[in-house]
Amino acid sequence: MIRGVQTLLLYLLVMAVVVAVVFAVVWFAFGRGEDLPPIERDATLTRLPRAGISGDDVRRLRFALVLRGYKQSEVDWALEKLAREVDELRTVIVDLQGRDANDFSRREPDAAQVDET
């Protein structure tokens, strides 16, 4: 009889330790259950820079999933296409700015020579 009571107490002690360990793991993994303030109605967690958007900015976009939301593969395809277009346009802009800078630097000595004469 004493052996049965000892076994029962040992079983209860082991179960208490297991419950405490599981509770600690869940508490550290998920926090204390504090509520976050609600997000404003028209707010979104999707962010883009105000200016100078690059293709990588578009590639990093992620949208919230909803019950009747968009098909993720189609959104990813569209974002990748937009990102490529933005990268191409940025390359054209840099090339054109480089050409303008070269043209300006070529004209500038000519203007200086004209002023000297």
Protein backbone atom coordinates (compact mmCIF):
# COMPACT_ATOMS: atom_id res chain seq x y z
CA MET A 1 0.00 0.00 0.00
CA ILE A 2 2.77 2.45 0.89
CA ARG A 3 4.50 1.56 -2.38
CA GLY A 4 1.31 2.43 -4.31
CA VAL A 5 1.04 5.81 -2.56
CA GLN A 6 4.71 6.55 -3.31
CA THR A 7 4.16 5.67 -6.97
CA LEU A 8 1.10 7.93 -7.12
CA LEU A 9 2.95 10.84 -5.49
CA LEU A 10 5.88 10.37 -7.85
CA TYR A 11 3.49 10.32 -10.81
CA LEU A 12 1.81 13.54 -9.61
CA LEU A 13 5.21 15.20 -9.07
CA VAL A 14 6.37 14.27 -12.58
CA MET A 15 3.10 15.53 -14.08
CA ALA A 16 3.43 18.84 -12.18
CA VAL A 17 6.97 19.30 -13.52
CA VAL A 18 5.84 18.50 -17.08
CA VAL A 19 2.94 20.96 -16.83
CA ALA A 20 5.25 23.66 -15.44
CA VAL A 21 7.78 23.14 -18.26
CA VAL A 22 5.07 23.25 -20.96
CA PHE A 23 3.58 26.37 -19.38
CA ALA A 24 6.99 28.08 -19.29
CA VAL A 25 7.72 27.22 -22.93
CA VAL A 26 4.33 28.50 -24.09
CA TRP A 27 4.62 31.64 -21.96
CA PHE A 28 8.05 32.52 -23.37
CA ALA A 29 7.06 31.63 -26.94
CA PHE A 30 3.75 33.51 -27.06
CA GLY A 31 4.09 36.17 -24.36
CA ARG A 32 1.78 36.98 -21.53
CA GLY A 33 -1.34 37.38 -23.62
CA GLU A 34 -1.37 41.16 -23.60
CA ASP A 35 -3.72 42.73 -26.11
CA LEU A 36 -2.31 45.08 -28.71
CA PRO A 37 -4.26 48.23 -29.52
CA PRO A 38 -6.42 47.83 -32.62
CA ILE A 39 -5.10 49.08 -35.95
CA GLU A 40 -6.95 52.05 -37.39
CA ARG A 41 -9.61 51.18 -39.94
CA ASP A 42 -7.80 52.45 -43.07
CA ALA A 43 -4.29 51.59 -41.86
CA THR A 44 -2.15 48.94 -43.51
CA LEU A 45 1.03 47.16 -42.52
CA THR A 46 2.18 47.26 -46.15
CA ARG A 47 4.93 49.85 -46.50
CA LEU A 48 6.76 51.50 -49.39
CA PRO A 49 9.29 54.36 -49.29
CA ARG A 50 7.89 57.82 -50.02
CA ALA A 51 10.27 58.28 -52.95
CA GLY A 52 12.93 56.31 -54.77
CA ILE A 53 11.05 53.03 -54.90
CA SER A 54 13.24 50.26 -56.23
CA GLY A 55 12.42 46.82 -57.56
CA ASP A 56 13.57 45.30 -54.27
CA ASP A 57 11.04 47.47 -52.41
CA VAL A 58 8.28 46.02 -54.59
CA ARG A 59 9.64 42.48 -54.13
CA ARG A 60 9.50 42.88 -50.33
CA LEU A 61 5.82 43.88 -50.35
CA ARG A 62 3.53 41.49 -48.53
CA PHE A 63 -0.22 41.75 -48.22
CA ALA A 64 -2.51 40.54 -45.47
CA LEU A 65 -4.41 37.37 -46.24
CA VAL A 66 -8.18 37.49 -45.96
CA LEU A 67 -10.91 34.94 -46.44
CA ARG A 68 -11.79 36.15 -49.94
CA GLY A 69 -8.39 37.64 -50.73
CA TYR A 70 -6.21 37.52 -53.78
CA LYS A 71 -4.49 34.42 -55.07
CA GLN A 72 -0.96 34.69 -53.68
CA SER A 73 0.77 33.38 -56.80
CA GLU A 74 -0.92 36.03 -58.96
CA VAL A 75 0.04 38.82 -56.55
CA ASP A 76 3.65 37.57 -56.49
CA TRP A 77 3.72 37.44 -60.30
CA ALA A 78 2.38 40.99 -60.61
CA LEU A 79 4.81 42.31 -58.00
CA GLU A 80 7.76 40.67 -59.75
CA LYS A 81 6.71 42.19 -63.07
CA LEU A 82 6.40 45.62 -61.46
CA ALA A 83 9.77 45.22 -59.76
CA ARG A 84 11.46 44.42 -63.08
CA GLU A 85 9.81 47.44 -64.69
CA VAL A 86 10.91 49.74 -61.87
CA ASP A 87 14.49 48.42 -62.11
CA GLU A 88 14.54 48.98 -65.88
CA LEU A 89 13.18 52.51 -65.55
CA ARG A 90 15.72 53.36 -62.85
CA THR A 91 18.51 52.09 -65.12
CA VAL A 92 17.26 54.28 -67.98
CA ILE A 93 17.09 57.29 -65.64
CA VAL A 94 20.65 56.74 -64.43
CA ASP A 95 21.88 56.35 -68.03
CA LEU A 96 20.13 59.55 -69.12
CA GLN A 97 21.44 61.48 -66.12
CA GLY A 98 24.94 60.23 -66.94
CA ARG A 99 24.56 61.41 -70.53
CA ASP A 100 23.35 64.82 -69.38
CA ALA A 101 26.29 65.13 -67.00
CA ASN A 102 28.73 64.20 -69.78
CA ASP A 103 27.11 66.65 -72.22
CA PHE A 104 27.21 69.41 -69.60
CA SER A 105 30.87 68.77 -68.78
CA ARG A 106 31.74 68.87 -72.49
CA ARG A 107 29.91 72.17 -73.01
CA GLU A 108 31.29 73.85 -69.94
CA PRO A 109 34.92 74.22 -71.17
CA ASP A 110 33.62 75.62 -74.47
CA ALA A 111 31.63 78.25 -72.55
CA ALA A 112 34.69 79.12 -70.47
CA GLN A 113 36.76 79.60 -73.61
CA VAL A 114 34.12 81.88 -75.07
CA ASP A 115 34.13 84.01 -71.88
CA GLU A 116 37.93 84.37 -71.98
CA THR A 117 37.97 85.78 -75.54
